[in-house]
C-alpha atoms as a PDB file:
ATOM      1  CA  UNK A   1      16.639 -21.195  12.089  1.00  0.00           C
ATOM      2  CA  UNK A   2      14.418 -18.126  12.438  1.00  0.00           C
ATOM      3  CA  UNK A   3      13.989 -15.778   9.516  1.00  0.00           C
ATOM      4  CA  UNK A   4      14.685 -12.090  10.049  1.00  0.00           C
ATOM      5  CA  UNK A   5      13.082  -9.183   8.199  1.00  0.00           C
ATOM      6  CA  UNK A   6      13.746  -5.464   7.910  1.00  0.00           C
ATOM      7  CA  UNK A   7      11.864  -2.457   6.650  1.00  0.00           C
ATOM      8  CA  UNK A   8      14.269   0.358   5.867  1.00  0.00           C
ATOM      9  CA  UNK A   9      12.986   3.818   4.949  1.00  0.00           C
ATOM     10  CA  UNK A  10      15.341   6.343   3.384  1.00  0.00           C
ATOM     11  CA  UNK A  11      14.599  10.026   2.925  1.00  0.00           C
ATOM     12  CA  UNK A  12      16.704  11.511   0.152  1.00  0.00           C
ATOM     13  CA  UNK A  13      17.725  15.104  -0.195  1.00  0.00           C
ATOM     14  CA  UNK A  14      15.131  16.909  -2.337  1.00  0.00           C
ATOM     15  CA  UNK A  15      15.113  15.737  -5.936  1.00  0.00           C
ATOM     16  CA  UNK A  16      17.830  13.090  -5.503  1.00  0.00           C
ATOM     17  CA  UNK A  17      15.758   9.902  -5.307  1.00  0.00           C
ATOM     18  CA  UNK A  18      16.666   8.897  -8.877  1.00  0.00           C
ATOM     19  CA  UNK A  19      20.373   9.312  -8.081  1.00  0.00           C
ATOM     20  CA  UNK A  20      20.011   7.192  -4.938  1.00  0.00           C
ATOM     21  CA  UNK A  21      18.228   4.526  -6.948  1.00  0.00           C
ATOM     22  CA  UNK A  22      21.051   4.437  -9.510  1.00  0.00           C
ATOM     23  CA  UNK A  23      23.607   3.952  -6.729  1.00  0.00           C
ATOM     24  CA  UNK A  24      21.474   1.177  -5.218  1.00  0.00           C
ATOM     25  CA  UNK A  25      21.192  -0.529  -8.609  1.00  0.00           C
ATOM     26  CA  UNK A  26      24.966  -0.351  -9.135  1.00  0.00           C
ATOM     27  CA  UNK A  27      26.026  -1.641  -5.702  1.00  0.00           C
ATOM     28  CA  UNK A  28      23.172  -3.409  -4.017  1.00  0.00           C
ATOM     29  CA  UNK A  29      21.098  -5.123  -6.701  1.00  0.00           C
ATOM     30  CA  UNK A  30      23.932  -7.430  -7.804  1.00  0.00           C
ATOM     31  CA  UNK A  31      25.050  -8.040  -4.208  1.00  0.00           C
ATOM     32  CA  UNK A  32      21.544  -8.891  -3.000  1.00  0.00           C
ATOM     33  CA  UNK A  33      20.909 -11.075  -6.042  1.00  0.00           C
ATOM     34  CA  UNK A  34      24.098 -13.046  -5.338  1.00  0.00           C
ATOM     35  CA  UNK A  35      23.521 -13.311  -1.574  1.00  0.00           C
ATOM     36  CA  UNK A  36      21.970 -16.651  -0.568  1.00  0.00           C
ATOM     37  CA  UNK A  37      21.011 -15.176   2.826  1.00  0.00           C
ATOM     38  CA  UNK A  38      18.472 -12.853   1.206  1.00  0.00           C
ATOM     39  CA  UNK A  39      15.244 -14.793   0.787  1.00  0.00           C
ATOM     40  CA  UNK A  40      13.278 -11.773  -0.470  1.00  0.00           C
ATOM     41  CA  UNK A  41      14.031  -8.128  -1.205  1.00  0.00           C
ATOM     42  CA  UNK A  42      11.670  -5.387  -2.351  1.00  0.00           C
ATOM     43  CA  UNK A  43      13.096  -1.960  -3.260  1.00  0.00           C
ATOM     44  CA  UNK A  44      10.151   0.439  -3.364  1.00  0.00           C
ATOM     45  CA  UNK A  45       9.566   4.065  -4.307  1.00  0.00           C
ATOM     46  CA  UNK A  46       7.007   5.876  -2.169  1.00  0.00           C
ATOM     47  CA  UNK A  47       4.016   6.929  -4.289  1.00  0.00           C
ATOM     48  CA  UNK A  48       3.205   9.849  -1.959  1.00  0.00           C
ATOM     49  CA  UNK A  49       6.675  11.229  -1.262  1.00  0.00           C
ATOM     50  CA  UNK A  50       9.015  11.888  -4.209  1.00  0.00           C
ATOM     51  CA  UNK A  51      12.034  11.788  -1.894  1.00  0.00           C
ATOM     52  CA  UNK A  52      11.315   8.544  -0.032  1.00  0.00           C
ATOM     53  CA  UNK A  53      12.462   4.967  -0.644  1.00  0.00           C
ATOM     54  CA  UNK A  54      11.592   1.875   1.370  1.00  0.00           C
ATOM     55  CA  UNK A  55      13.173  -1.553   1.238  1.00  0.00           C
ATOM     56  CA  UNK A  56      11.646  -4.715   2.644  1.00  0.00           C
ATOM     57  CA  UNK A  57      14.128  -7.525   3.160  1.00  0.00           C
ATOM     58  CA  UNK A  58      13.829 -11.074   4.427  1.00  0.00           C
ATOM     59  CA  UNK A  59      16.956 -12.953   5.477  1.00  0.00           C
ATOM     60  CA  UNK A  60      17.332 -16.587   6.420  1.00  0.00           C
ATOM     61  CA  UNK A  61      18.720 -15.425   9.799  1.00  0.00           C
ATOM     62  CA  UNK A  62      19.821 -12.368  11.738  1.00  0.00           C
ATOM     63  CA  UNK A  63      23.404 -13.599  11.330  1.00  0.00           C
ATOM     64  CA  UNK A  64      23.051 -13.416   7.535  1.00  0.00           C
ATOM     65  CA  UNK A  65      21.861  -9.831   7.816  1.00  0.00           C
ATOM     66  CA  UNK A  66      24.867  -8.910   9.947  1.00  0.00           C
ATOM     67  CA  UNK A  67      27.292 -10.605   7.542  1.00  0.00           C
ATOM     68  CA  UNK A  68      25.796  -8.699   4.613  1.00  0.00           C
ATOM     69  CA  UNK A  69      26.496  -5.391   6.369  1.00  0.00           C
ATOM     70  CA  UNK A  70      30.190  -6.340   6.417  1.00  0.00           C
ATOM     71  CA  UNK A  71      30.472  -6.814   2.641  1.00  0.00           C
ATOM     72  CA  UNK A  72      32.471  -4.567   0.362  1.00  0.00           C
ATOM     73  CA  UNK A  73      29.373  -3.966  -1.765  1.00  0.00           C
ATOM     74  CA  UNK A  74      27.498  -2.552   1.222  1.00  0.00           C
ATOM     75  CA  UNK A  75      30.455  -0.373   2.249  1.00  0.00           C
ATOM     76  CA  UNK A  76      30.683   1.037  -1.292  1.00  0.00           C
ATOM     77  CA  UNK A  77      26.961   1.701  -1.352  1.00  0.00           C
ATOM     78  CA  UNK A  78      27.106   3.603   1.935  1.00  0.00           C
ATOM     79  CA  UNK A  79      30.094   5.650   0.802  1.00  0.00           C
ATOM     80  CA  UNK A  80      28.309   6.749  -2.375  1.00  0.00           C
ATOM     81  CA  UNK A  81      24.765   7.161  -1.074  1.00  0.00           C
ATOM     82  CA  UNK A  82      25.143   8.845   2.319  1.00  0.00           C
ATOM     83  CA  UNK A  83      25.802  12.350   0.893  1.00  0.00           C
ATOM     84  CA  UNK A  84      22.486  12.112  -1.000  1.00  0.00           C
ATOM     85  CA  UNK A  85      20.357  11.222   2.023  1.00  0.00           C
ATOM     86  CA  UNK A  86      18.761  13.717   4.396  1.00  0.00           C
ATOM     87  CA  UNK A  87      19.796  11.600   7.395  1.00  0.00           C
ATOM     88  CA  UNK A  88      20.102   8.036   8.628  1.00  0.00           C
ATOM     89  CA  UNK A  89      17.402   5.571   7.581  1.00  0.00           C
ATOM     90  CA  UNK A  90      14.536   4.501   9.785  1.00  0.00           C
ATOM     91  CA  UNK A  91      14.998   0.754  10.374  1.00  0.00           C
ATOM     92  CA  UNK A  92      12.346  -1.604  11.701  1.00  0.00           C
ATOM     93  CA  UNK A  93      13.424  -5.151  12.587  1.00  0.00           C
ATOM     94  CA  UNK A  94      10.776  -7.872  12.287  1.00  0.00           C
ATOM     95  CA  UNK A  95      10.361 -11.593  12.907  1.00  0.00           C
ATOM     96  CA  UNK A  96       8.203 -13.219  10.230  1.00  0.00           C
ATOM     97  CA  UNK A  97       5.602 -15.588  11.669  1.00  0.00           C
ATOM     98  CA  UNK A  98       3.663 -16.433   8.490  1.00  0.00           C
ATOM     99  CA  UNK A  99       4.656 -16.211   4.824  1.00  0.00           C
ATOM    100  CA  UNK A 100       2.578 -16.883   1.721  1.00  0.00           C
ATOM    101  CA  UNK A 101       4.415 -19.285  -0.558  1.00  0.00           C
ATOM    102  CA  UNK A 102       3.853 -19.149  -4.302  1.00  0.00           C
END
């Protein structure tokens, strides 16, 4: 099984990054934490852009990533967060070829 990774960059409407983060924490943090398909997840605030958020995710497979997008938690997150974003996210799909294990 091949792992699958994503980098997702969101641009919020000016001054709304904190609000977007609160919505993410309410919907996504518990869903990601409970999802066995997520092997790693980093939710990051951009140090140089006060309206930017990036997430780095590693799934156990592309199928797991697709199944997660069909969850009620993800649908609720989208419903609440989309009005606060300046547009759709920039998504980069990646295939991990080497991972440092701790």
